[in-house]
Amino acid sequence: EYLESRFDRRLRMFGSVMFAIMNIGYLPIVIYVPALAFNQVTGVA
């Protein structure tokens, strides 16, 4: 919302889209890492 206040709505949408892309790329890594640890100690896939 700050970006729209300081610039315009285009910057707000740009920031939101970039955030969504980053999160969607980041979250699978967050999920994968503990599953890797669990696999090492239990053998569960």
PDB file of all heavy atoms in Angstrom:
ATOM      1  N   GLU A   1       0.837  -1.193   0.000  1.00  0.00           N
ATOM      2  CA  GLU A   1       0.000   0.000   0.000  1.00  0.00           C
ATOM      3  C   GLU A   1       0.875   1.247   0.000  1.00  0.00           C
ATOM      4  O   GLU A   1       0.497   2.284  -0.560  1.00  0.00           O
ATOM      5  CB  GLU A   1      -0.924  -0.005   1.216  1.00  0.00           C
ATOM      6  CG  GLU A   1      -1.984  -1.089   1.218  1.00  0.00           C
ATOM      7  CD  GLU A   1      -2.814  -1.067   2.488  1.00  0.00           C
ATOM      8  OE1 GLU A   1      -3.431  -0.027   2.768  1.00  0.00           O
ATOM      9  OE2 GLU A   1      -2.825  -2.082   3.208  1.00  0.00           O
ATOM     10  N   TYR A   2       2.017   1.155   0.650  1.00  0.00           N
ATOM     11  CA  TYR A   2       2.933   2.296   0.681  1.00  0.00           C
ATOM     12  C   TYR A   2       3.343   2.698  -0.728  1.00  0.00           C
ATOM     13  O   TYR A   2       3.445   3.903  -1.039  1.00  0.00           O
ATOM     14  CB  TYR A   2       4.174   1.951   1.501  1.00  0.00           C
ATOM     15  CG  TYR A   2       5.277   2.970   1.341  1.00  0.00           C
ATOM     16  CD1 TYR A   2       5.275   4.152   2.075  1.00  0.00           C
ATOM     17  CD2 TYR A   2       6.303   2.767   0.412  1.00  0.00           C
ATOM     18  CE1 TYR A   2       6.265   5.107   1.892  1.00  0.00           C
ATOM     19  CE2 TYR A   2       7.299   3.716   0.227  1.00  0.00           C
ATOM     20  CZ  TYR A   2       7.276   4.877   0.965  1.00  0.00           C
ATOM     21  OH  TYR A   2       8.253   5.818   0.771  1.00  0.00           O
ATOM     22  N   LEU A   3       3.593   1.717  -1.601  1.00  0.00           N
ATOM     23  CA  LEU A   3       4.059   2.021  -2.950  1.00  0.00           C
ATOM     24  C   LEU A   3       3.016   2.795  -3.741  1.00  0.00           C
ATOM     25  O   LEU A   3       3.360   3.651  -4.567  1.00  0.00           O
ATOM     26  CB  LEU A   3       4.447   0.730  -3.673  1.00  0.00           C
ATOM     27  CG  LEU A   3       5.627  -0.047  -3.075  1.00  0.00           C
ATOM     28  CD1 LEU A   3       5.904  -1.302  -3.879  1.00  0.00           C
ATOM     29  CD2 LEU A   3       6.873   0.828  -2.989  1.00  0.00           C
ATOM     30  N   GLU A   4       1.736   2.499  -3.510  1.00  0.00           N
ATOM     31  CA  GLU A   4       0.688   3.270  -4.187  1.00  0.00           C
ATOM     32  C   GLU A   4       0.644   4.698  -3.651  1.00  0.00           C
ATOM     33  O   GLU A   4       0.430   5.650  -4.404  1.00  0.00           O
ATOM     34  CB  GLU A   4      -0.669   2.603  -4.018  1.00  0.00           C
ATOM     35  CG  GLU A   4      -1.783   3.352  -4.749  1.00  0.00           C
ATOM     36  CD  GLU A   4      -3.096   2.603  -4.757  1.00  0.00           C
ATOM     37  OE1 GLU A   4      -3.148   1.468  -4.267  1.00  0.00           O
ATOM     38  OE2 GLU A   4      -4.077   3.181  -5.269  1.00  0.00           O
ATOM     39  N   SER A   5       0.833   4.843  -2.359  1.00  0.00           N
ATOM     40  CA  SER A   5       0.819   6.178  -1.761  1.00  0.00           C
ATOM     41  C   SER A   5       1.989   7.018  -2.275  1.00  0.00           C
ATOM     42  O   SER A   5       1.820   8.191  -2.618  1.00  0.00           O
ATOM     43  CB  SER A   5       0.907   6.073  -0.239  1.00  0.00           C
ATOM     44  OG  SER A   5      -0.090   5.242   0.270  1.00  0.00           O
ATOM     45  N   ARG A   6       3.147   6.426  -2.331  1.00  0.00           N
ATOM     46  CA  ARG A   6       4.360   7.167  -2.728  1.00  0.00           C
ATOM     47  C   ARG A   6       4.460   7.331  -4.236  1.00  0.00           C
ATOM     48  O   ARG A   6       4.920   8.371  -4.736  1.00  0.00           O
ATOM     49  CB  ARG A   6       5.581   6.427  -2.177  1.00  0.00           C
ATOM     50  CG  ARG A   6       6.930   6.910  -2.657  1.00  0.00           C
ATOM     51  CD  ARG A   6       7.227   8.346  -2.243  1.00  0.00           C
ATOM     52  NE  ARG A   6       8.570   8.695  -2.687  1.00  0.00           N
ATOM     53  CZ  ARG A   6       8.876   9.113  -3.905  1.00  0.00           C
ATOM     54  NH1 ARG A   6       7.923   9.278  -4.815  1.00  0.00           N
ATOM     55  NH2 ARG A   6      10.125   9.407  -4.238  1.00  0.00           N
ATOM     56  N   PHE A   7       4.044   6.320  -5.007  1.00  0.00           N
ATOM     57  CA  PHE A   7       4.159   6.366  -6.467  1.00  0.00           C
ATOM     58  C   PHE A   7       2.767   6.318  -7.108  1.00  0.00           C
ATOM     59  O   PHE A   7       2.124   7.323  -7.277  1.00  0.00           O
ATOM     60  CB  PHE A   7       5.045   5.230  -6.965  1.00  0.00           C
ATOM     61  CG  PHE A   7       6.448   5.261  -6.434  1.00  0.00           C
ATOM     62  CD1 PHE A   7       6.880   4.315  -5.513  1.00  0.00           C
ATOM     63  CD2 PHE A   7       7.351   6.227  -6.846  1.00  0.00           C
ATOM     64  CE1 PHE A   7       8.176   4.335  -5.015  1.00  0.00           C
ATOM     65  CE2 PHE A   7       8.651   6.265  -6.354  1.00  0.00           C
ATOM     66  CZ  PHE A   7       9.064   5.310  -5.424  1.00  0.00           C
ATOM     67  N   ASP A   8       2.326   5.085  -7.424  1.00  0.00           N
ATOM     68  CA  ASP A   8       1.006   4.905  -8.020  1.00  0.00           C
ATOM     69  C   ASP A   8       0.615   3.435  -7.911  1.00  0.00           C
ATOM     70  O   ASP A   8       1.374   2.615  -7.376  1.00  0.00           O
ATOM     71  CB  ASP A   8       0.980   5.370  -9.484  1.00  0.00           C
ATOM     72  CG  ASP A   8       2.097   4.742 -10.315  1.00  0.00           C
ATOM     73  OD1 ASP A   8       2.285   3.505 -10.212  1.00  0.00           O
ATOM     74  OD2 ASP A   8       2.788   5.475 -11.042  1.00  0.00           O
ATOM     75  N   ARG A   9      -0.571   3.104  -8.414  1.00  0.00           N
ATOM     76  CA  ARG A   9      -1.075   1.740  -8.281  1.00  0.00           C
ATOM     77  C   ARG A   9      -0.221   0.724  -9.020  1.00  0.00           C
ATOM     78  O   ARG A   9      -0.134  -0.432  -8.633  1.00  0.00           O
ATOM     79  CB  ARG A   9      -2.523   1.667  -8.777  1.00  0.00           C
ATOM     80  CG  ARG A   9      -3.136   0.280  -8.649  1.00  0.00           C
ATOM     81  CD  ARG A   9      -4.620   0.284  -8.870  1.00  0.00           C
ATOM     82  NE  ARG A   9      -5.313   0.937  -7.768  1.00  0.00           N
ATOM     83  CZ  ARG A   9      -6.641   0.985  -7.655  1.00  0.00           C
ATOM     84  NH1 ARG A   9      -7.401   0.449  -8.597  1.00  0.00           N
ATOM     85  NH2 ARG A   9      -7.200   1.591  -6.629  1.00  0.00           N
ATOM     86  N   ARG A  10       0.416   1.125 -10.105  1.00  0.00           N
ATOM     87  CA  ARG A  10       1.262   0.181 -10.853  1.00  0.00           C
ATOM     88  C   ARG A  10       2.388  -0.367  -9.983  1.00  0.00           C
ATOM     89  O   ARG A  10       2.701  -1.564 -10.036  1.00  0.00           O
ATOM     90  CB  ARG A  10       1.857   0.866 -12.084  1.00  0.00           C
ATOM     91  CG  ARG A  10       0.856   1.323 -13.125  1.00  0.00           C
ATOM     92  CD  ARG A  10       1.550   2.152 -14.187  1.00  0.00           C
ATOM     93  NE  ARG A  10       2.265   3.271 -13.583  1.00  0.00           N
ATOM     94  CZ  ARG A  10       3.240   3.948 -14.198  1.00  0.00           C
ATOM     95  NH1 ARG A  10       3.623   3.603 -15.422  1.00  0.00           N
ATOM     96  NH2 ARG A  10       3.846   4.950 -13.595  1.00  0.00           N
ATOM     97  N   LEU A  11       2.995   0.511  -9.179  1.00  0.00           N
ATOM     98  CA  LEU A  11       4.087   0.065  -8.305  1.00  0.00           C
ATOM     99  C   LEU A  11       3.561  -0.850  -7.209  1.00  0.00           C
ATOM    100  O   LEU A  11       4.237  -1.806  -6.800  1.00  0.00           O
ATOM    101  CB  LEU A  11       4.793   1.270  -7.691  1.00  0.00           C
ATOM    102  CG  LEU A  11       6.011   1.841  -8.426  1.00  0.00           C
ATOM    103  CD1 LEU A  11       7.130   0.823  -8.473  1.00  0.00           C
ATOM    104  CD2 LEU A  11       5.647   2.273  -9.838  1.00  0.00           C
ATOM    105  N   ARG A  12       2.349  -0.556  -6.735  1.00  0.00           N
ATOM    106  CA  ARG A  12       1.751  -1.440  -5.727  1.00  0.00           C
ATOM    107  C   ARG A  12       1.549  -2.839  -6.296  1.00  0.00           C
ATOM    108  O   ARG A  12       1.868  -3.840  -5.651  1.00  0.00           O
ATOM    109  CB  ARG A  12       0.416  -0.864  -5.254  1.00  0.00           C
ATOM    110  CG  ARG A  12      -0.294  -1.738  -4.221  1.00  0.00           C
ATOM    111  CD  ARG A  12      -1.574  -1.070  -3.755  1.00  0.00           C
ATOM    112  NE  ARG A  12      -2.276  -1.872  -2.754  1.00  0.00           N
ATOM    113  CZ  ARG A  12      -3.387  -1.480  -2.132  1.00  0.00           C
ATOM    114  NH1 ARG A  12      -3.910  -0.288  -2.411  1.00  0.00           N
ATOM    115  NH2 ARG A  12      -3.962  -2.261  -1.245  1.00  0.00           N
ATOM    116  N   MET A  13       1.032  -2.930  -7.514  1.00  0.00           N
ATOM    117  CA  MET A  13       0.820  -4.235  -8.139  1.00  0.00           C
ATOM    118  C   MET A  13       2.144  -4.928  -8.430  1.00  0.00           C
ATOM    119  O   MET A  13       2.280  -6.133  -8.255  1.00  0.00           O
ATOM    120  CB  MET A  13       0.014  -4.067  -9.429  1.00  0.00           C
ATOM    121  CG  MET A  13      -1.436  -3.699  -9.211  1.00  0.00           C
ATOM    122  SD  MET A  13      -2.298  -4.898  -8.153  1.00  0.00           S
ATOM    123  CE  MET A  13      -2.089  -6.390  -9.118  1.00  0.00           C
ATOM    124  N   PHE A  14       3.130  -4.155  -8.864  1.00  0.00           N
ATOM    125  CA  PHE A  14       4.453  -4.736  -9.129  1.00  0.00           C
ATOM    126  C   PHE A  14       5.025  -5.359  -7.864  1.00  0.00           C
ATOM    127  O   PHE A  14       5.511  -6.496  -7.873  1.00  0.00           O
ATOM    128  CB  PHE A  14       5.389  -3.649  -9.658  1.00  0.00           C
ATOM    129  CG  PHE A  14       6.795  -4.113  -9.891  1.00  0.00           C
ATOM    130  CD1 PHE A  14       7.123  -4.825 -11.037  1.00  0.00           C
ATOM    131  CD2 PHE A  14       7.802  -3.864  -8.967  1.00  0.00           C
ATOM    132  CE1 PHE A  14       8.421  -5.266 -11.250  1.00  0.00           C
ATOM    133  CE2 PHE A  14       9.091  -4.292  -9.162  1.00  0.00           C
ATOM    134  CZ  PHE A  14       9.408  -4.998 -10.324  1.00  0.00           C
ATOM    135  N   GLY A  15       4.961  -4.612  -6.760  1.00  0.00           N
ATOM    136  CA  GLY A  15       5.481  -5.138  -5.497  1.00  0.00           C
ATOM    137  C   GLY A  15       4.730  -6.373  -5.038  1.00  0.00           C
ATOM    138  O   GLY A  15       5.337  -7.347  -4.580  1.00  0.00           O
ATOM    139  N   SER A  16       3.423  -6.356  -5.155  1.00  0.00           N
ATOM    140  CA  SER A  16       2.610  -7.499  -4.712  1.00  0.00           C
ATOM    141  C   SER A  16       2.887  -8.737  -5.552  1.00  0.00           C
ATOM    142  O   SER A  16       2.976  -9.847  -5.024  1.00  0.00           O
ATOM    143  CB  SER A  16       1.126  -7.141  -4.786  1.00  0.00           C
ATOM    144  OG  SER A  16       0.840  -6.008  -4.000  1.00  0.00           O
ATOM    145  N   VAL A  17       3.020  -8.558  -6.856  1.00  0.00           N
ATOM    146  CA  VAL A  17       3.305  -9.695  -7.743  1.00  0.00           C
ATOM    147  C   VAL A  17       4.683 -10.279  -7.433  1.00  0.00           C
ATOM    148  O   VAL A  17       4.857 -11.505  -7.373  1.00  0.00           O
ATOM    149  CB  VAL A  17       3.205  -9.261  -9.227  1.00  0.00           C
ATOM    150  CG1 VAL A  17       3.758 -10.346 -10.140  1.00  0.00           C
ATOM    151  CG2 VAL A  17       1.757  -8.955  -9.597  1.00  0.00           C
ATOM    152  N   MET A  18       5.663  -9.410  -7.233  1.00  0.00           N
ATOM    153  CA  MET A  18       7.001  -9.898  -6.900  1.00  0.00           C
ATOM    154  C   MET A  18       6.996 -10.660  -5.574  1.00  0.00           C
ATOM    155  O   MET A  18       7.653 -11.697  -5.433  1.00  0.00           O
ATOM    156  CB  MET A  18       7.989  -8.729  -6.816  1.00  0.00           C
ATOM    157  CG  MET A  18       8.294  -8.051  -8.144  1.00  0.00           C
ATOM    158  SD  MET A  18       9.062  -9.146  -9.370  1.00  0.00           S
ATOM    159  CE  MET A  18       7.635  -9.540 -10.396  1.00  0.00           C
ATOM    160  N   PHE A  19       6.246 -10.147  -4.604  1.00  0.00           N
ATOM    161  CA  PHE A  19       6.145 -10.830  -3.316  1.00  0.00           C
ATOM    162  C   PHE A  19       5.504 -12.212  -3.482  1.00  0.00           C
ATOM    163  O   PHE A  19       5.976 -13.200  -2.890  1.00  0.00           O
ATOM    164  CB  PHE A  19       5.314  -9.984  -2.345  1.00  0.00           C
ATOM    165  CG  PHE A  19       4.950 -10.702  -1.068  1.00  0.00           C
ATOM    166  CD1 PHE A  19       5.871 -10.843  -0.053  1.00  0.00           C
ATOM    167  CD2 PHE A  19       3.682 -11.243  -0.897  1.00  0.00           C
ATOM    168  CE1 PHE A  19       5.543 -11.519   1.121  1.00  0.00           C
ATOM    169  CE2 PHE A  19       3.343 -11.905   0.268  1.00  0.00           C
ATOM    170  CZ  PHE A  19       4.274 -12.045   1.281  1.00  0.00           C
ATOM    171  N   ALA A  20       4.441 -12.289  -4.270  1.00  0.00           N
ATOM    172  CA  ALA A  20       3.765 -13.568  -4.472  1.00  0.00           C
ATOM    173  C   ALA A  20       4.682 -14.575  -5.160  1.00  0.00           C
ATOM    174  O   ALA A  20       4.736 -15.756  -4.775  1.00  0.00           O
ATOM    175  CB  ALA A  20       2.490 -13.353  -5.297  1.00  0.00           C
ATOM    176  N   ILE A  21       5.423 -14.124  -6.160  1.00  0.00           N
ATOM    177  CA  ILE A  21       6.351 -15.012  -6.863  1.00  0.00           C
ATOM    178  C   ILE A  21       7.430 -15.513  -5.910  1.00  0.00           C
ATOM    179  O   ILE A  21       7.772 -16.705  -5.888  1.00  0.00           O
ATOM    180  CB  ILE A  21       6.981 -14.281  -8.063  1.00  0.00           C
ATOM    181  CG1 ILE A  21       5.916 -14.021  -9.137  1.00  0.00           C
ATOM    182  CG2 ILE A  21       8.138 -15.092  -8.643  1.00  0.00           C
ATOM    183  CD1 ILE A  21       6.402 -13.142 -10.273  1.00  0.00           C
ATOM    184  N   MET A  22       7.987 -14.607  -5.105  1.00  0.00           N
ATOM    185  CA  MET A  22       9.032 -14.993  -4.162  1.00  0.00           C
ATOM    186  C   MET A  22       8.514 -16.019  -3.163  1.00  0.00           C
ATOM    187  O   MET A  22       9.165 -17.022  -2.873  1.00  0.00           O
ATOM    188  CB  MET A  22       9.557 -13.760  -3.431  1.00  0.00           C
ATOM    189  CG  MET A  22      10.709 -14.014  -2.473  1.00  0.00           C
ATOM    190  SD  MET A  22      10.199 -14.569  -0.827  1.00  0.00           S
ATOM    191  CE  MET A  22       9.455 -13.068  -0.193  1.00  0.00           C
ATOM    192  N   ASN A  23       7.317 -15.778  -2.620  1.00  0.00           N
ATOM    193  CA  ASN A  23       6.768 -16.687  -1.621  1.00  0.00           C
ATOM    194  C   ASN A  23       6.513 -18.070  -2.197  1.00  0.00           C
ATOM    195  O   ASN A  23       6.784 -19.087  -1.558  1.00  0.00           O
ATOM    196  CB  ASN A  23       5.461 -16.115  -1.057  1.00  0.00           C
ATOM    197  CG  ASN A  23       5.646 -15.568   0.340  1.00  0.00           C
ATOM    198  OD1 ASN A  23       6.764 -15.415   0.818  1.00  0.00           O
ATOM    199  ND2 ASN A  23       4.561 -15.273   1.013  1.00  0.00           N
ATOM    200  N   ILE A  24       5.967 -18.116  -3.400  1.00  0.00           N
ATOM    201  CA  ILE A  24       5.661 -19.400  -4.017  1.00  0.00           C
ATOM    202  C   ILE A  24       6.944 -20.165  -4.322  1.00  0.00           C
ATOM    203  O   ILE A  24       6.978 -21.396  -4.291  1.00  0.00           O
ATOM    204  CB  ILE A  24       4.810 -19.194  -5.284  1.00  0.00           C
ATOM    205  CG1 ILE A  24       3.411 -18.706  -4.880  1.00  0.00           C
ATOM    206  CG2 ILE A  24       4.709 -20.471  -6.106  1.00  0.00           C
ATOM    207  CD1 ILE A  24       2.529 -18.290  -6.035  1.00  0.00           C
ATOM    208  N   GLY A  25       8.041 -19.434  -4.596  1.00  0.00           N
ATOM    209  CA  GLY A  25       9.327 -20.104  -4.793  1.00  0.00           C
ATOM    210  C   GLY A  25       9.998 -20.512  -3.496  1.00  0.00           C
ATOM    211  O   GLY A  25      10.748 -21.491  -3.450  1.00  0.00           O
ATOM    212  N   TYR A  26       9.726 -19.758  -2.433  1.00  0.00           N
ATOM    213  CA  TYR A  26      10.381 -19.985  -1.136  1.00  0.00           C
ATOM    214  C   TYR A  26       9.707 -21.082  -0.316  1.00  0.00           C
ATOM    215  O   TYR A  26      10.387 -21.904   0.314  1.00  0.00           O
ATOM    216  CB  TYR A  26      10.371 -18.662  -0.370  1.00  0.00           C
ATOM    217  CG  TYR A  26      10.810 -18.730   1.071  1.00  0.00           C
ATOM    218  CD1 TYR A  26      12.136 -18.980   1.406  1.00  0.00           C
ATOM    219  CD2 TYR A  26       9.893 -18.528   2.101  1.00  0.00           C
ATOM    220  CE1 TYR A  26      12.546 -19.021   2.734  1.00  0.00           C
ATOM    221  CE2 TYR A  26      10.294 -18.570   3.433  1.00  0.00           C
ATOM    222  CZ  TYR A  26      11.611 -18.811   3.741  1.00  0.00           C
ATOM    223  OH  TYR A  26      12.008 -18.862   5.053  1.00  0.00           O
ATOM    224  N   LEU A  27       8.385 -21.125  -0.327  1.00  0.00           N
ATOM    225  CA  LEU A  27       7.664 -22.049   0.552  1.00  0.00           C
ATOM    226  C   LEU A  27       7.962 -23.523   0.282  1.00  0.00           C
ATOM    227  O   LEU A  27       8.052 -24.306   1.233  1.00  0.00           O
ATOM    228  CB  LEU A  27       6.154 -21.785   0.464  1.00  0.00           C
ATOM    229  CG  LEU A  27       5.681 -20.495   1.144  1.00  0.00           C
ATOM    230  CD1 LEU A  27       4.177 -20.328   0.981  1.00  0.00           C
ATOM    231  CD2 LEU A  27       6.049 -20.489   2.620  1.00  0.00           C
ATOM    232  N   PRO A  28       8.101 -23.959  -0.972  1.00  0.00           N
ATOM    233  CA  PRO A  28       8.446 -25.374  -1.167  1.00  0.00           C
ATOM    234  C   PRO A  28       9.771 -25.765  -0.506  1.00  0.00           C
ATOM    235  O   PRO A  28       9.920 -26.893  -0.030  1.00  0.00           O
ATOM    236  CB  PRO A  28       8.533 -25.510  -2.695  1.00  0.00           C
ATOM    237  CG  PRO A  28       7.677 -24.419  -3.213  1.00  0.00           C
ATOM    238  CD  PRO A  28       7.838 -23.285  -2.246  1.00  0.00           C
ATOM    239  N   ILE A  29      10.729 -24.830  -0.476  1.00  0.00           N
ATOM    240  CA  ILE A  29      12.008 -25.111   0.187  1.00  0.00           C
ATOM    241  C   ILE A  29      11.782 -25.262   1.682  1.00  0.00           C
ATOM    242  O   ILE A  29      12.358 -26.139   2.335  1.00  0.00           O
ATOM    243  CB  ILE A  29      13.018 -23.989  -0.101  1.00  0.00           C
ATOM    244  CG1 ILE A  29      13.196 -23.802  -1.608  1.00  0.00           C
ATOM    245  CG2 ILE A  29      14.358 -24.291   0.539  1.00  0.00           C
ATOM    246  CD1 ILE A  29      14.102 -22.642  -1.989  1.00  0.00           C
ATOM    247  N   VAL A  30      10.927 -24.391   2.246  1.00  0.00           N
ATOM    248  CA  VAL A  30      10.607 -24.454   3.667  1.00  0.00           C
ATOM    249  C   VAL A  30       9.986 -25.805   4.027  1.00  0.00           C
ATOM    250  O   VAL A  30      10.282 -26.376   5.078  1.00  0.00           O
ATOM    251  CB  VAL A  30       9.638 -23.302   4.036  1.00  0.00           C
ATOM    252  CG1 VAL A  30       9.091 -23.476   5.449  1.00  0.00           C
ATOM    253  CG2 VAL A  30      10.352 -21.964   3.917  1.00  0.00           C
ATOM    254  N   ILE A  31       9.137 -26.321   3.173  1.00  0.00           N
ATOM    255  CA  ILE A  31       8.479 -27.607   3.429  1.00  0.00           C
ATOM    256  C   ILE A  31       9.447 -28.767   3.245  1.00  0.00           C
ATOM    257  O   ILE A  31       9.445 -29.740   4.008  1.00  0.00           O
ATOM    258  CB  ILE A  31       7.270 -27.793   2.487  1.00  0.00           C
ATOM    259  CG1 ILE A  31       6.269 -26.652   2.664  1.00  0.00           C
ATOM    260  CG2 ILE A  31       6.579 -29.124   2.740  1.00  0.00           C
ATOM    261  CD1 ILE A  31       5.198 -26.624   1.595  1.00  0.00           C
ATOM    262  N   TYR A  32      10.284 -28.653   2.230  1.00  0.00           N
ATOM    263  CA  TYR A  32      11.166 -29.757   1.858  1.00  0.00           C
ATOM    264  C   TYR A  32      12.217 -30.053   2.923  1.00  0.00           C
ATOM    265  O   TYR A  32      12.528 -31.218   3.211  1.00  0.00           O
ATOM    266  CB  TYR A  32      11.847 -29.413   0.532  1.00  0.00           C
ATOM    267  CG  TYR A  32      12.959 -30.345   0.125  1.00  0.00           C
ATOM    268  CD1 TYR A  32      12.689 -31.657  -0.254  1.00  0.00           C
ATOM    269  CD2 TYR A  32      14.280 -29.914   0.114  1.00  0.00           C
ATOM    270  CE1 TYR A  32      13.712 -32.505  -0.648  1.00  0.00           C
ATOM    271  CE2 TYR A  32      15.314 -30.759  -0.273  1.00  0.00           C
ATOM    272  CZ  TYR A  32      15.024 -32.052  -0.653  1.00  0.00           C
ATOM    273  OH  TYR A  32      16.037 -32.884  -1.019  1.00  0.00           O
ATOM    274  N   VAL A  33      12.780 -29.008   3.536  1.00  0.00           N
ATOM    275  CA  VAL A  33      13.914 -29.181   4.446  1.00  0.00           C
ATOM    276  C   VAL A  33      13.586 -30.071   5.646  1.00  0.00           C
ATOM    277  O   VAL A  33      14.315 -31.028   5.930  1.00  0.00           O
ATOM    278  CB  VAL A  33      14.453 -27.813   4.905  1.00  0.00           C
ATOM    279  CG1 VAL A  33      15.438 -27.972   6.042  1.00  0.00           C
ATOM    280  CG2 VAL A  33      15.119 -27.105   3.740  1.00  0.00           C
ATOM    281  N   PRO A  34      12.507 -29.829   6.403  1.00  0.00           N
ATOM    282  CA  PRO A  34      12.227 -30.723   7.535  1.00  0.00           C
ATOM    283  C   PRO A  34      11.847 -32.126   7.089  1.00  0.00           C
ATOM    284  O   PRO A  34      12.118 -33.093   7.809  1.00  0.00           O
ATOM    285  CB  PRO A  34      11.065 -30.033   8.254  1.00  0.00           C
ATOM    286  CG  PRO A  34      10.416 -29.214   7.223  1.00  0.00           C
ATOM    287  CD  PRO A  34      11.522 -28.736   6.333  1.00  0.00           C
ATOM    288  N   ALA A  35      11.233 -32.230   5.916  1.00  0.00           N
ATOM    289  CA  ALA A  35      10.898 -33.561   5.401  1.00  0.00           C
ATOM    290  C   ALA A  35      12.170 -34.358   5.117  1.00  0.00           C
ATOM    291  O   ALA A  35      12.215 -35.577   5.308  1.00  0.00           O
ATOM    292  CB  ALA A  35      10.057 -33.436   4.134  1.00  0.00           C
ATOM    293  N   LEU A  36      13.210 -33.663   4.691  1.00  0.00           N
ATOM    294  CA  LEU A  36      14.504 -34.295   4.457  1.00  0.00           C
ATOM    295  C   LEU A  36      15.071 -34.833   5.768  1.00  0.00           C
ATOM    296  O   LEU A  36      15.599 -35.953   5.829  1.00  0.00           O
ATOM    297  CB  LEU A  36      15.460 -33.264   3.852  1.00  0.00           C
ATOM    298  CG  LEU A  36      16.691 -33.767   3.110  1.00  0.00           C
ATOM    299  CD1 LEU A  36      16.292 -34.540   1.875  1.00  0.00           C
ATOM    300  CD2 LEU A  36      17.560 -32.566   2.712  1.00  0.00           C
ATOM    301  N   ALA A  37      14.963 -34.040   6.833  1.00  0.00           N
ATOM    302  CA  ALA A  37      15.439 -34.484   8.147  1.00  0.00           C
ATOM    303  C   ALA A  37      14.635 -35.685   8.638  1.00  0.00           C
ATOM    304  O   ALA A  37      15.184 -36.640   9.190  1.00  0.00           O
ATOM    305  CB  ALA A  37      15.346 -33.339   9.148  1.00  0.00           C
ATOM    306  N   PHE A  38      13.335 -35.633   8.458  1.00  0.00           N
ATOM    307  CA  PHE A  38      12.467 -36.718   8.895  1.00  0.00           C
ATOM    308  C   PHE A  38      12.788 -38.005   8.132  1.00  0.00           C
ATOM    309  O   PHE A  38      12.793 -39.100   8.706  1.00  0.00           O
ATOM    310  CB  PHE A  38      11.005 -36.323   8.673  1.00  0.00           C
ATOM    311  CG  PHE A  38      10.016 -37.202   9.387  1.00  0.00           C
ATOM    312  CD1 PHE A  38       9.876 -37.131  10.764  1.00  0.00           C
ATOM    313  CD2 PHE A  38       9.223 -38.099   8.682  1.00  0.00           C
ATOM    314  CE1 PHE A  38       8.963 -37.937  11.430  1.00  0.00           C
ATOM    315  CE2 PHE A  38       8.308 -38.902   9.330  1.00  0.00           C
ATOM    316  CZ  PHE A  38       8.178 -38.823  10.708  1.00  0.00           C
ATOM    317  N   ASN A  39      13.085 -37.855   6.861  1.00  0.00           N
ATOM    318  CA  ASN A  39      13.465 -39.014   6.047  1.00  0.00           C
ATOM    319  C   ASN A  39      14.747 -39.651   6.558  1.00  0.00           C
ATOM    320  O   ASN A  39      14.882 -40.886   6.599  1.00  0.00           O
ATOM    321  CB  ASN A  39      13.628 -38.580   4.589  1.00  0.00           C
ATOM    322  CG  ASN A  39      14.278 -39.640   3.725  1.00  0.00           C
ATOM    323  OD1 ASN A  39      15.468 -39.576   3.431  1.00  0.00           O
ATOM    324  ND2 ASN A  39      13.499 -40.619   3.306  1.00  0.00           N
ATOM    325  N   GLN A  40      15.707 -38.825   7.001  1.00  0.00           N
ATOM    326  CA  GLN A  40      16.987 -39.347   7.481  1.00  0.00           C
ATOM    327  C   GLN A  40      16.824 -40.173   8.756  1.00  0.00           C
ATOM    328  O   GLN A  40      17.484 -41.195   8.925  1.00  0.00           O
ATOM    329  CB  GLN A  40      17.957 -38.191   7.743  1.00  0.00           C
ATOM    330  CG  GLN A  40      19.314 -38.605   8.274  1.00  0.00           C
ATOM    331  CD  GLN A  40      20.184 -39.247   7.213  1.00  0.00           C
ATOM    332  OE1 GLN A  40      20.139 -38.879   6.055  1.00  0.00           O
ATOM    333  NE2 GLN A  40      20.982 -40.235   7.600  1.00  0.00           N
ATOM    334  N   VAL A  41      15.916 -39.751   9.654  1.00  0.00           N
ATOM    335  CA  VAL A  41      15.817 -40.436  10.944  1.00  0.00           C
ATOM    336  C   VAL A  41      14.756 -41.527  10.971  1.00  0.00           C
ATOM    337  O   VAL A  41      14.755 -42.355  11.881  1.00  0.00           O
ATOM    338  CB  VAL A  41      15.530 -39.430  12.081  1.00  0.00           C
ATOM    339  CG1 VAL A  41      16.627 -38.390  12.175  1.00  0.00           C
ATOM    340  CG2 VAL A  41      14.185 -38.770  11.917  1.00  0.00           C
ATOM    341  N   THR A  42      13.849 -41.536   9.995  1.00  0.00           N
ATOM    342  CA  THR A  42      12.769 -42.539  10.014  1.00  0.00           C
ATOM    343  C   THR A  42      12.705 -43.390   8.765  1.00  0.00           C
ATOM    344  O   THR A  42      12.152 -44.487   8.791  1.00  0.00           O
ATOM    345  CB  THR A  42      11.398 -41.863  10.192  1.00  0.00           C
ATOM    346  OG1 THR A  42      11.117 -41.048   9.034  1.00  0.00           O
ATOM    347  CG2 THR A  42      11.366 -41.002  11.443  1.00  0.00           C
ATOM    348  N   GLY A  43      13.231 -42.866   7.645  1.00  0.00           N
ATOM    349  CA  GLY A  43      13.095 -43.579   6.386  1.00  0.00           C
ATOM    350  C   GLY A  43      11.802 -43.276   5.658  1.00  0.00           C
ATOM    351  O   GLY A  43      11.593 -43.741   4.532  1.00  0.00           O
ATOM    352  N   VAL A  44      10.911 -42.480   6.261  1.00  0.00           N
ATOM    353  CA  VAL A  44       9.648 -42.110   5.621  1.00  0.00           C
ATOM    354  C   VAL A  44       9.947 -41.176   4.451  1.00  0.00           C
ATOM    355  O   VAL A  44      10.704 -40.217   4.576  1.00  0.00           O
ATOM    356  CB  VAL A  44       8.699 -41.422   6.620  1.00  0.00           C
ATOM    357  CG1 VAL A  44       7.432 -40.943   5.921  1.00  0.00           C
ATOM    358  CG2 VAL A  44       8.361 -42.371   7.751  1.00  0.00           C
ATOM    359  N   ALA A  45       9.334 -41.442   3.290  1.00  0.00           N
ATOM    360  CA  ALA A  45       9.609 -40.677   2.081  1.00  0.00           C
ATOM    361  C   ALA A  45       9.260 -39.212   2.248  1.00  0.00           C
ATOM    362  O   ALA A  45       8.292 -38.854   2.938  1.00  0.00           O
ATOM    363  CB  ALA A  45       8.832 -41.265   0.907  1.00  0.00           C
TER     364      ALA A  45
END
